[in-house]
């Protein structure tokens, strides 16, 4: 069953064919006149050497309304817009299509689409997740869900940064805090991690190994043991918090394992734009004209920089896409990594990959506010506010919705009072309440499969217009990666439903079955979109 938009596009394409004009047809939701509008005549006037209004009139004259009976009216408006009205049957068909497809409404075909690897969160395994990681997780998980609905096969990947000095620092920090359990005067190294989370790591180590490592010499073997314990303990807690936050991964990739499997150096040797200077190996990132200086990838002492491992890791991800010509890699980073973007893309291209197949999404950090004051510290740990504590305070849904709702480049003040309010100031509350209203209204009827046949009032038509946008929205987000477009759409849909609910009598009306079918369609789309954000879907509020 074709949608109204597809029917109108077909009618314009047929008219253009009669006029021997070849042009891609773009149709938008009309804001003031009609249901849909096309500016195709405006895009053709230079090419055809005619006024847009004349071209629009030619197109309309060649649309066969007897064939396209779903179009009830067409008007040409200055300076050359073509406005379309659809018949009531099209509105009913949309509702019936949604009820027929259920949660598959808005899904796009899977044919001819490559895999997409999305790497997100990837917090160092040196502590608990904090609120900054939450925004990364919310964006990444929602984007993966939408990409899958858009027909893509998605690989969710977490890069475990368990190689390098930060892991040695973690080991000595846990070791020192462990020794302080027996000797409070034991000195903490100057560059150790000093957060309260390390105290908890050390306590967990003690609970498992008791006094086995009390007063032992800090040898390489001991360091390796504490390093491995710290890594595993951190990852276990990261996975636990992410699961509670509704986030999961297909793949955890260890940076350390990349070196152990000799996957790094072969990739580095394949780079074409490296040179040696002062004993170090440099990547000539200025060659692309987008970096202010070249970058060291291998230090003079032979140690690799983080960039070195990252270059090899991205090439490896790309080769694992099965069909690299169709595949994509998406990384989600904090805005503090903005200077790193061009270096990675340059190396990616240097290894023979296409730059446009690596998308790096940058997001701004957030502040948590309560009673007008910023909350910076964990009450328990004395470190950055942890995701675990914030979930205990306001719940998973409030965090996820609020962090998805804002554009990536906007800095966020996460106001605890605002995100937990149960009134019209809270968008999530309005959306959830609309779904609960749908459920409670539907419980009053016993239709097995209600059919819509007549939806000619303005409130129903506005509601159907919002429902029709859902497939296009999924398509748009899958191409732009802007998950922040989803919450405002849901708010518009919920508001249109609330207006319908306040103005239309459903029970015992002559259009009762049509209205019930419409409410069911609204419920279906609200629930499906909330599921994409991994929000709880309430039946009562």
Protein backbone atom coordinates (compact mmCIF):
# COMPACT_ATOMS: atom_id res chain seq x y z
CA UNK A 1 0.00 0.00 0.00
CA UNK A 2 1.52 3.33 -1.08
CA UNK A 3 1.51 6.30 1.27
CA UNK A 4 -0.08 9.61 0.25
CA UNK A 5 3.38 11.08 -0.27
CA UNK A 6 4.41 8.25 -2.60
CA UNK A 7 1.16 8.61 -4.58
CA UNK A 8 1.67 12.35 -5.10
CA UNK A 9 5.30 11.88 -6.11
CA UNK A 10 4.19 9.28 -8.67
CA UNK A 11 1.63 11.71 -10.10
CA UNK A 12 4.26 14.44 -10.52
CA UNK A 13 6.77 12.01 -12.04
CA UNK A 14 4.18 10.89 -14.59
CA UNK A 15 3.38 14.50 -15.48
CA UNK A 16 7.08 15.28 -15.95
CA UNK A 17 7.45 12.25 -18.19
CA UNK A 18 4.61 13.54 -20.40
CA UNK A 19 6.39 16.89 -20.57
CA UNK A 20 9.70 15.12 -21.35
CA UNK A 21 11.34 16.60 -18.25
CA UNK A 22 13.79 14.64 -16.12
CA UNK A 23 14.02 15.87 -12.54
CA UNK A 24 14.09 14.38 -9.05
CA UNK A 25 10.84 15.11 -7.20
CA UNK A 26 10.97 16.44 -3.65
CA UNK A 27 7.77 16.72 -1.62
CA UNK A 28 7.40 18.36 1.77
CA UNK A 29 4.66 18.54 4.38
CA UNK A 30 2.70 21.73 3.66
CA UNK A 31 2.61 24.22 6.51
CA UNK A 32 -0.22 26.54 5.46
CA UNK A 33 -1.85 25.35 2.25
CA UNK A 34 -2.72 21.75 1.53
CA UNK A 35 -1.26 18.56 2.93
CA UNK A 36 1.88 18.46 0.75
CA UNK A 37 3.79 20.95 -1.36
CA UNK A 38 6.39 20.76 -4.14
CA UNK A 39 8.79 23.48 -5.34
CA UNK A 40 9.85 21.51 -8.42
CA UNK A 41 8.70 24.25 -10.80
CA UNK A 42 11.01 26.74 -9.06
CA UNK A 43 13.99 24.41 -9.56
CA UNK A 44 13.18 24.05 -13.29
CA UNK A 45 12.67 27.67 -14.37
CA UNK A 46 16.34 28.37 -15.20
CA UNK A 47 16.72 25.07 -17.02
CA UNK A 48 13.52 25.52 -19.06
CA UNK A 49 13.71 29.29 -19.50
CA UNK A 50 10.13 29.77 -18.29
CA UNK A 51 8.50 31.30 -15.25
CA UNK A 52 8.00 28.87 -12.39
CA UNK A 53 4.28 29.62 -12.22
CA UNK A 54 3.87 28.57 -15.88
CA UNK A 55 5.86 25.37 -15.34
CA UNK A 56 3.75 24.54 -12.28
CA UNK A 57 0.55 25.01 -14.29
CA UNK A 58 1.90 22.74 -17.06
CA UNK A 59 2.66 20.03 -14.49
CA UNK A 60 -0.77 20.25 -12.88
CA UNK A 61 -2.51 20.06 -16.27
CA UNK A 62 -0.73 16.75 -16.88
CA UNK A 63 -1.74 15.10 -13.60
CA UNK A 64 -4.61 12.67 -14.16
CA UNK A 65 -6.89 13.03 -11.13
CA UNK A 66 -9.08 10.20 -12.40
CA UNK A 67 -6.06 7.92 -12.02
CA UNK A 68 -4.86 9.46 -8.76
CA UNK A 69 -8.17 9.66 -6.95
CA UNK A 70 -6.41 9.84 -3.58
CA UNK A 71 -5.56 13.46 -4.47
CA UNK A 72 -8.63 15.54 -3.76
CA UNK A 73 -7.33 18.95 -4.88
CA UNK A 74 -4.27 20.61 -6.44
CA UNK A 75 -3.53 24.35 -6.45
CA UNK A 76 -0.69 26.40 -7.90
CA UNK A 77 0.51 29.27 -5.72
CA UNK A 78 2.93 32.13 -6.38
CA UNK A 79 5.74 32.12 -7.24
CA UNK A 80 5.37 28.51 -8.43
CA UNK A 81 4.53 26.13 -5.60
CA UNK A 82 2.23 23.17 -6.24
CA UNK A 83 0.03 22.37 -3.22
CA UNK A 84 -1.80 19.05 -2.83
CA UNK A 85 -4.74 18.01 -0.71
CA UNK A 86 -5.33 14.30 -0.12
CA UNK A 87 -8.71 12.64 0.15
CA UNK A 88 -10.17 11.32 3.37
CA UNK A 89 -9.55 7.78 2.18
CA UNK A 90 -5.80 8.41 2.21
CA UNK A 91 -5.97 9.50 5.85
CA UNK A 92 -7.86 6.34 6.71
CA UNK A 93 -5.43 4.23 4.68
CA UNK A 94 -2.51 5.66 6.67
CA UNK A 95 -4.13 4.73 9.97
CA UNK A 96 -5.06 1.26 8.75
CA UNK A 97 -1.54 0.72 7.43
CA UNK A 98 -0.03 1.58 10.82
CA UNK A 99 -2.39 -0.81 12.59
CA UNK A 100 -1.60 -3.50 10.07
CA UNK A 101 2.18 -3.12 10.37
CA UNK A 102 2.34 -2.47 14.12
CA UNK A 103 5.88 -1.73 15.29
CA UNK A 104 7.17 -2.37 11.76
CA UNK A 105 5.63 0.93 10.65
CA UNK A 106 8.47 3.30 9.83
CA UNK A 107 10.93 0.45 9.23
CA UNK A 108 12.88 0.75 6.00
CA UNK A 109 13.94 -2.02 3.61
CA UNK A 110 17.23 -3.82 4.32
CA UNK A 111 18.21 -4.39 0.70
CA UNK A 112 21.61 -3.23 -0.47
CA UNK A 113 22.73 -1.68 2.81
CA UNK A 114 26.16 -2.27 4.31
CA UNK A 115 27.03 -2.82 7.94
CA UNK A 116 27.56 0.14 10.24
CA UNK A 117 30.04 -0.09 13.10
CA UNK A 118 29.15 2.31 15.91
CA UNK A 119 31.76 2.75 18.61
CA UNK A 120 30.56 4.69 21.65
CA UNK A 121 31.16 5.18 25.38
CA UNK A 122 34.62 3.48 25.37
CA UNK A 123 35.41 4.97 28.78
CA UNK A 124 38.84 4.07 30.13
CA UNK A 125 38.57 1.12 32.57
CA UNK A 126 40.07 3.21 35.37
CA UNK A 127 36.94 4.11 37.33
CA UNK A 128 33.16 4.26 37.31
CA UNK A 129 31.09 5.86 34.55
CA UNK A 130 30.27 9.50 35.17
CA UNK A 131 27.59 11.80 33.76
CA UNK A 132 29.72 12.73 30.72
CA UNK A 133 29.75 9.09 29.65
CA UNK A 134 25.95 9.04 29.99
CA UNK A 135 25.44 11.45 27.10
CA UNK A 136 27.72 9.37 24.89
CA UNK A 137 25.82 6.21 25.85
CA UNK A 138 22.37 7.74 25.30
CA UNK A 139 23.28 9.09 21.85
CA UNK A 140 25.04 5.92 20.73
CA UNK A 141 22.43 3.42 21.89
CA UNK A 142 19.53 5.40 20.40
CA UNK A 143 21.35 5.90 17.10
CA UNK A 144 22.03 2.16 16.84
CA UNK A 145 18.34 1.37 17.41
CA UNK A 146 17.25 3.85 14.74
CA UNK A 147 19.84 2.62 12.23
CA UNK A 148 18.53 -0.92 12.68
CA UNK A 149 14.95 0.28 12.15
CA UNK A 150 16.19 1.96 8.98
CA UNK A 151 17.34 -1.42 7.67
CA UNK A 152 21.02 -1.40 8.58
CA UNK A 153 22.96 -4.17 10.25
CA UNK A 154 24.69 -2.53 13.21
CA UNK A 155 27.74 -3.56 15.21
CA UNK A 156 27.84 -1.93 18.65
CA UNK A 157 31.46 -1.73 19.75
CA UNK A 158 33.22 -0.65 22.93
CA UNK A 159 36.97 0.00 22.72
CA UNK A 160 38.65 -0.94 25.99
CA UNK A 161 41.63 1.39 26.41
CA UNK A 162 43.65 -1.08 28.48
CA UNK A 163 47.11 -0.41 27.04
CA UNK A 164 49.49 2.30 28.11
CA UNK A 165 50.46 4.39 31.07
CA UNK A 166 46.95 4.95 32.42
CA UNK A 167 46.71 1.23 33.22
CA UNK A 168 50.06 1.25 35.06
CA UNK A 169 48.81 4.29 36.95
CA UNK A 170 45.63 2.38 37.84
CA UNK A 171 47.66 -0.56 39.12
CA UNK A 172 49.89 1.47 41.46
CA UNK A 173 46.86 3.45 42.67
CA UNK A 174 44.93 0.30 43.67
CA UNK A 175 48.06 -1.25 45.18
CA UNK A 176 48.70 1.86 47.30
CA UNK A 177 45.11 2.14 48.52
CA UNK A 178 45.20 -1.59 49.32
CA UNK A 179 48.32 -1.11 51.45
CA UNK A 180 46.62 1.79 53.24
CA UNK A 181 44.02 -0.66 54.54
CA UNK A 182 46.80 -2.09 56.73
CA UNK A 183 48.90 1.05 57.06
CA UNK A 184 47.06 4.39 56.76
CA UNK A 185 50.43 6.14 56.52
CA UNK A 186 51.37 4.30 53.33
CA UNK A 187 52.30 7.00 50.82
CA UNK A 188 50.21 7.46 47.70
CA UNK A 189 52.37 8.17 44.61
CA UNK A 190 52.19 11.74 43.40
CA UNK A 191 50.62 10.89 40.02
CA UNK A 192 48.20 8.23 41.35
CA UNK A 193 44.45 8.33 40.76
CA UNK A 194 43.08 9.88 43.93
CA UNK A 195 39.34 9.45 43.48
CA UNK A 196 37.18 7.60 45.97
CA UNK A 197 36.40 4.98 43.33
CA UNK A 198 39.98 3.67 43.65
CA UNK A 199 39.39 3.19 47.37
CA UNK A 200 36.44 0.97 46.46
CA UNK A 201 38.58 -0.90 43.92
CA UNK A 202 41.17 -1.56 46.64
CA UNK A 203 38.49 -2.68 49.09
CA UNK A 204 37.15 -5.13 46.49
CA UNK A 205 40.68 -6.45 45.99
CA UNK A 206 41.05 -6.92 49.75
CA UNK A 207 37.74 -8.77 49.99
CA UNK A 208 38.98 -11.23 47.39
CA UNK A 209 42.65 -11.61 48.36
CA UNK A 210 42.67 -10.56 52.04
CA UNK A 211 46.27 -10.08 53.25
CA UNK A 212 47.90 -12.06 50.47
CA UNK A 213 49.59 -8.94 48.98
CA UNK A 214 50.19 -7.04 52.23
CA UNK A 215 53.64 -5.41 52.27
CA UNK A 216 54.78 -7.24 49.12
CA UNK A 217 57.40 -5.69 46.87
CA UNK A 218 55.89 -3.89 43.88
CA UNK A 219 57.47 -5.96 41.13
CA UNK A 220 56.47 -6.11 37.45
CA UNK A 221 54.55 -9.29 38.21
CA UNK A 222 52.63 -7.63 41.04
CA UNK A 223 51.97 -4.59 38.89
CA UNK A 224 50.55 -6.81 36.13
CA UNK A 225 48.30 -8.59 38.63
CA UNK A 226 46.86 -5.36 40.05
CA UNK A 227 46.51 -3.91 36.57
CA UNK A 228 44.47 -6.90 35.40
CA UNK A 229 42.31 -6.86 38.52
CA UNK A 230 41.62 -3.13 38.13
CA UNK A 231 40.74 -3.48 34.45
CA UNK A 232 38.33 -6.35 35.06
CA UNK A 233 36.72 -4.77 38.11
CA UNK A 234 36.19 -1.49 36.26
CA UNK A 235 34.71 -3.21 33.20
CA UNK A 236 32.39 -5.32 35.34
CA UNK A 237 30.97 -2.18 36.94
CA UNK A 238 30.84 -0.29 33.63
CA UNK A 239 28.84 -3.13 32.05
CA UNK A 240 26.56 -3.28 35.09
CA UNK A 241 25.78 0.44 34.94
CA UNK A 242 25.32 0.42 31.17
CA UNK A 243 22.90 -2.49 31.38
CA UNK A 244 20.83 -0.58 33.93
CA UNK A 245 20.98 2.39 31.55
CA UNK A 246 19.61 0.26 28.70
CA UNK A 247 22.90 0.03 26.78
CA UNK A 248 24.64 -3.09 25.49
CA UNK A 249 27.43 -3.99 23.06
CA UNK A 250 28.05 -6.69 20.49
CA UNK A 251 31.78 -6.38 20.82
CA UNK A 252 34.34 -5.32 23.42
CA UNK A 253 37.72 -4.77 21.76
CA UNK A 254 40.85 -4.67 23.90
CA UNK A 255 43.57 -2.23 22.83
CA UNK A 256 46.10 -4.39 24.65
CA UNK A 257 44.99 -7.41 22.63
CA UNK A 258 45.58 -5.43 19.43
CA UNK A 259 49.26 -5.25 20.29
CA UNK A 260 49.46 -8.84 21.53
CA UNK A 261 47.96 -10.09 18.25
CA UNK A 262 50.37 -7.90 16.24
CA UNK A 263 47.56 -5.96 14.59
CA UNK A 264 49.03 -2.50 15.15
CA UNK A 265 52.46 -2.46 13.54
CA UNK A 266 51.45 -3.97 10.16
CA UNK A 267 48.91 -1.16 9.72
CA UNK A 268 51.46 1.50 10.66
CA UNK A 269 53.92 0.09 8.12
CA UNK A 270 51.23 0.49 5.43
CA UNK A 271 50.99 4.25 6.00
CA UNK A 272 52.39 6.21 3.05
CA UNK A 273 52.91 9.63 4.66
CA UNK A 274 55.27 8.94 7.56
CA UNK A 275 58.81 10.15 8.10
CA UNK A 276 61.48 9.92 10.80
CA UNK A 277 62.71 13.00 12.63
CA UNK A 278 64.70 13.25 15.89
CA UNK A 279 64.43 9.48 16.23
CA UNK A 280 60.61 9.53 16.25
CA UNK A 281 58.19 8.47 13.52
CA UNK A 282 55.78 11.20 12.42
CA UNK A 283 52.55 11.16 10.44
CA UNK A 284 52.41 14.05 7.97
CA UNK A 285 48.92 15.21 8.91
CA UNK A 286 49.58 18.74 7.63
CA UNK A 287 49.64 17.30 4.12
CA UNK A 288 45.87 17.32 4.09
CA UNK A 289 45.90 20.99 5.06
CA UNK A 290 43.65 20.47 8.07
CA UNK A 291 46.14 19.98 10.91
CA UNK A 292 48.41 22.69 12.29
CA UNK A 293 51.39 20.34 12.71
CA UNK A 294 52.48 16.78 12.01
CA UNK A 295 51.92 14.19 14.74
CA UNK A 296 54.22 11.67 16.40
CA UNK A 297 52.98 8.08 16.17
CA UNK A 298 56.11 6.30 17.46
CA UNK A 299 58.27 8.02 20.07
CA UNK A 300 62.03 8.09 19.96
CA UNK A 301 62.21 5.30 22.57
CA UNK A 302 60.07 3.04 20.40
CA UNK A 303 56.85 3.44 22.39
CA UNK A 304 53.69 4.04 20.40
CA UNK A 305 51.38 6.98 20.97
CA UNK A 306 47.63 6.57 21.36
CA UNK A 307 47.21 7.79 17.77
CA UNK A 308 49.28 4.85 16.55
CA UNK A 309 46.90 2.27 18.03
CA UNK A 310 43.84 4.24 16.96
CA UNK A 311 44.96 4.26 13.33
CA UNK A 312 45.31 0.49 13.26
CA UNK A 313 42.05 0.02 15.15
CA UNK A 314 40.05 2.03 12.63
CA UNK A 315 41.54 0.13 9.71
CA UNK A 316 40.68 -3.14 11.43
CA UNK A 317 37.08 -2.04 12.01
CA UNK A 318 36.77 -1.06 8.38
CA UNK A 319 38.08 -4.40 7.11
CA UNK A 320 35.56 -6.25 9.30
CA UNK A 321 32.56 -4.67 7.57
CA UNK A 322 32.44 -7.56 5.05
CA UNK A 323 31.55 -5.18 2.22
CA UNK A 324 33.67 -2.07 2.91
CA UNK A 325 32.30 -0.31 -0.17
CA UNK A 326 28.88 -0.07 1.48
CA UNK A 327 29.90 -0.01 5.13
CA UNK A 328 30.27 2.88 7.58
CA UNK A 329 32.15 3.53 10.79
CA UNK A 330 30.69 5.95 13.32
CA UNK A 331 32.60 7.14 16.39
CA UNK A 332 30.96 9.18 19.15
CA UNK A 333 33.40 11.40 21.06
CA UNK A 334 33.29 14.27 23.50
CA UNK A 335 33.94 17.71 22.04
CA UNK A 336 37.28 17.83 23.86
CA UNK A 337 38.54 15.39 21.19
CA UNK A 338 37.73 17.76 18.32
CA UNK A 339 41.40 18.32 17.47
CA UNK A 340 41.83 14.58 17.04
CA UNK A 341 39.22 14.17 14.30
CA UNK A 342 41.26 15.24 11.27
CA UNK A 343 44.30 13.19 12.35
CA UNK A 344 42.31 9.99 12.46
CA UNK A 345 40.49 10.77 9.20
CA UNK A 346 43.77 11.61 7.47
CA UNK A 347 45.33 8.30 8.54
CA UNK A 348 42.14 6.44 7.61
CA UNK A 349 42.36 7.85 4.09
CA UNK A 350 46.11 7.24 3.93
CA UNK A 351 45.43 3.53 4.45
CA UNK A 352 43.23 3.42 1.36
CA UNK A 353 39.83 3.92 3.00
CA UNK A 354 37.34 6.59 1.96
CA UNK A 355 37.12 9.57 4.30
CA UNK A 356 33.32 9.80 3.96
CA UNK A 357 32.99 6.29 5.40
CA UNK A 358 34.24 7.49 8.80
CA UNK A 359 31.78 9.73 10.63
CA UNK A 360 32.84 11.22 13.96
CA UNK A 361 30.06 12.71 16.08
CA UNK A 362 31.18 15.23 18.70
CA UNK A 363 28.99 16.19 21.64
CA UNK A 364 29.33 18.87 24.28
CA UNK A 365 29.60 18.05 27.96
CA UNK A 366 26.91 18.67 30.55
CA UNK A 367 26.44 20.19 33.98
CA UNK A 368 24.10 18.69 36.54
CA UNK A 369 22.10 21.30 38.45
CA UNK A 370 19.97 21.08 41.57
CA UNK A 371 18.28 24.01 43.28
CA UNK A 372 20.24 26.37 41.02
CA UNK A 373 23.62 24.95 41.97
CA UNK A 374 25.96 22.74 39.97
CA UNK A 375 26.56 19.23 41.33
CA UNK A 376 30.12 18.30 40.46
CA UNK A 377 31.03 15.70 43.00
CA UNK A 378 29.88 12.25 43.94
CA UNK A 379 28.57 12.30 47.50
CA UNK A 380 30.07 8.88 48.18
CA UNK A 381 33.34 9.08 46.27
CA UNK A 382 34.29 12.73 46.23
CA UNK A 383 34.90 12.47 42.47
CA UNK A 384 32.88 13.35 39.37
CA UNK A 385 29.17 12.56 39.74
CA UNK A 386 28.69 8.95 38.70
CA UNK A 387 26.04 7.69 36.31
CA UNK A 388 25.00 5.17 38.96
CA UNK A 389 24.21 7.88 41.48
CA UNK A 390 22.33 10.00 38.98
CA UNK A 391 20.18 7.02 37.93
CA UNK A 392 19.36 6.41 41.60
CA UNK A 393 18.37 10.07 41.91
CA UNK A 394 16.22 10.63 38.80
CA UNK A 395 15.90 7.29 36.97
CA UNK A 396 17.18 6.01 33.64
CA UNK A 397 14.41 7.46 31.48
CA UNK A 398 14.80 11.07 32.60
CA UNK A 399 18.52 10.98 31.87
CA UNK A 400 18.22 9.30 28.48
CA UNK A 401 15.40 11.49 27.20
CA UNK A 402 16.96 14.75 28.32
CA UNK A 403 20.39 13.90 26.89
CA UNK A 404 18.92 12.78 23.55
CA UNK A 405 16.62 15.80 23.30
CA UNK A 406 19.41 18.36 22.90
CA UNK A 407 21.52 18.85 19.76
CA UNK A 408 25.04 17.47 20.02
CA UNK A 409 26.76 20.85 19.87
CA UNK A 410 24.69 22.36 22.67
CA UNK A 411 26.03 22.49 26.20
CA UNK A 412 23.51 21.12 28.66
CA UNK A 413 22.45 22.11 32.14
CA UNK A 414 20.75 18.96 33.43
CA UNK A 415 18.26 20.35 35.94
CA UNK A 416 17.19 17.54 38.29
CA UNK A 417 14.01 19.34 39.34
CA UNK A 418 12.95 19.98 35.76
CA UNK A 419 13.58 16.47 34.40
CA UNK A 420 11.63 14.85 37.23
CA UNK A 421 8.64 17.22 37.15
CA UNK A 422 5.28 15.65 36.32
CA UNK A 423 3.69 18.53 34.42
CA UNK A 424 3.57 20.31 31.06
CA UNK A 425 7.12 21.63 31.49
CA UNK A 426 8.48 18.10 31.09
CA UNK A 427 8.35 16.86 27.48
CA UNK A 428 8.91 13.24 28.45
CA UNK A 429 6.00 13.35 30.88
CA UNK A 430 3.69 14.73 28.16
CA UNK A 431 4.71 11.95 25.75
CA UNK A 432 4.33 9.16 28.29
CA UNK A 433 1.02 10.54 29.49
CA UNK A 434 -0.29 10.60 25.91
CA UNK A 435 0.55 6.91 25.54
CA UNK A 436 -1.13 6.05 28.84
CA UNK A 437 -4.21 8.01 27.72
CA UNK A 438 -4.31 6.01 24.49
CA UNK A 439 -4.20 2.72 26.40
CA UNK A 440 -6.88 3.75 28.88
CA UNK A 441 -9.16 5.01 26.10
CA UNK A 442 -8.76 1.82 24.08
CA UNK A 443 -9.65 -0.30 27.12
CA UNK A 444 -13.19 1.07 26.86
CA UNK A 445 -13.74 -0.67 23.52
CA UNK A 446 -13.60 -4.29 22.42
CA UNK A 447 -12.67 -3.95 18.75
CA UNK A 448 -10.36 -6.74 17.58
CA UNK A 449 -9.13 -4.94 14.49
CA UNK A 450 -10.76 -1.49 14.16
CA UNK A 451 -10.82 0.05 10.69
CA UNK A 452 -10.70 3.75 9.88
CA UNK A 453 -13.10 4.95 7.18
CA UNK A 454 -13.92 8.56 8.02
CA UNK A 455 -11.48 11.05 9.55
CA UNK A 456 -12.67 14.35 8.12
CA UNK A 457 -12.40 16.60 11.19
CA UNK A 458 -9.43 18.93 11.62
CA UNK A 459 -8.13 17.28 14.81
CA UNK A 460 -8.00 13.82 13.25
CA UNK A 461 -6.38 15.21 10.11
CA UNK A 462 -3.68 16.97 12.13
CA UNK A 463 -3.01 13.76 14.04
CA UNK A 464 -2.71 11.69 10.86
CA UNK A 465 -0.39 14.32 9.37
CA UNK A 466 1.98 13.78 12.31
CA UNK A 467 1.75 10.00 12.00
CA UNK A 468 2.67 10.21 8.31
CA UNK A 469 5.96 11.93 9.19
CA UNK A 470 7.33 8.99 11.18
CA UNK A 471 8.87 6.94 8.31
CA UNK A 472 10.52 10.06 6.86
CA UNK A 473 11.87 10.94 10.28
CA UNK A 474 13.49 7.50 10.66
CA UNK A 475 15.02 7.89 7.21
CA UNK A 476 16.33 11.38 8.01
CA UNK A 477 17.94 10.36 11.31
CA UNK A 478 19.53 7.31 9.68
CA UNK A 479 21.25 9.66 7.20
CA UNK A 480 22.09 12.63 9.44
CA UNK A 481 22.62 10.71 12.73
CA UNK A 482 20.72 13.46 14.58
CA UNK A 483 18.82 11.49 17.21
CA UNK A 484 17.76 14.78 18.80
CA UNK A 485 15.07 15.02 16.08
CA UNK A 486 13.10 12.19 17.67
CA UNK A 487 11.95 13.79 20.99
CA UNK A 488 10.44 16.95 19.40
CA UNK A 489 8.58 14.80 16.88
CA UNK A 490 7.10 12.75 19.72
CA UNK A 491 6.14 15.92 21.55
CA UNK A 492 4.31 17.18 18.45
CA UNK A 493 2.51 13.86 18.09
CA UNK A 494 1.55 13.80 21.78
CA UNK A 495 0.32 17.40 21.61
CA UNK A 496 -1.77 16.65 18.52
CA UNK A 497 -3.26 13.65 20.31
CA UNK A 498 -4.06 15.68 23.43
CA UNK A 499 -5.83 18.23 21.24
CA UNK A 500 -7.81 15.42 19.56
CA UNK A 501 -8.62 13.92 22.97
CA UNK A 502 -9.92 17.25 24.30
CA UNK A 503 -12.06 18.11 21.28
CA UNK A 504 -13.37 14.84 19.85
CA UNK A 505 -15.98 12.63 21.44
CA UNK A 506 -14.99 9.07 20.67
CA UNK A 507 -17.53 7.03 22.64
CA UNK A 508 -20.85 6.53 20.79
CA UNK A 509 -19.91 8.91 17.99
CA UNK A 510 -20.86 8.05 14.40
CA UNK A 511 -17.13 7.69 13.63
CA UNK A 512 -16.37 5.67 16.75
CA UNK A 513 -14.54 2.82 15.00
CA UNK A 514 -12.45 5.21 12.89
CA UNK A 515 -11.46 7.15 16.00
CA UNK A 516 -10.55 3.97 17.88
CA UNK A 517 -8.37 2.91 14.94
CA UNK A 518 -6.69 6.32 14.99
CA UNK A 519 -5.98 6.16 18.73
CA UNK A 520 -4.50 2.70 18.31
CA UNK A 521 -2.22 4.00 15.55
CA UNK A 522 -1.03 6.84 17.78
CA UNK A 523 -0.34 4.39 20.60
CA UNK A 524 1.69 2.20 18.21
CA UNK A 525 3.93 5.02 17.00
CA UNK A 526 4.43 6.53 20.46
CA UNK A 527 5.43 3.15 21.87
CA UNK A 528 7.75 2.31 18.98
CA UNK A 529 9.60 5.63 19.19
CA UNK A 530 9.94 5.40 22.97
CA UNK A 531 11.36 1.91 22.54
CA UNK A 532 14.02 3.34 20.20
CA UNK A 533 15.11 5.53 23.13
CA UNK A 534 14.76 2.58 25.53
CA UNK A 535 12.22 4.40 27.66
CA UNK A 536 9.72 2.55 29.82
CA UNK A 537 6.31 2.59 28.10
CA UNK A 538 3.54 3.24 30.65
CA UNK A 539 -0.03 2.01 30.38
CA UNK A 540 -1.15 4.06 33.36
CA UNK A 541 0.07 7.27 34.98
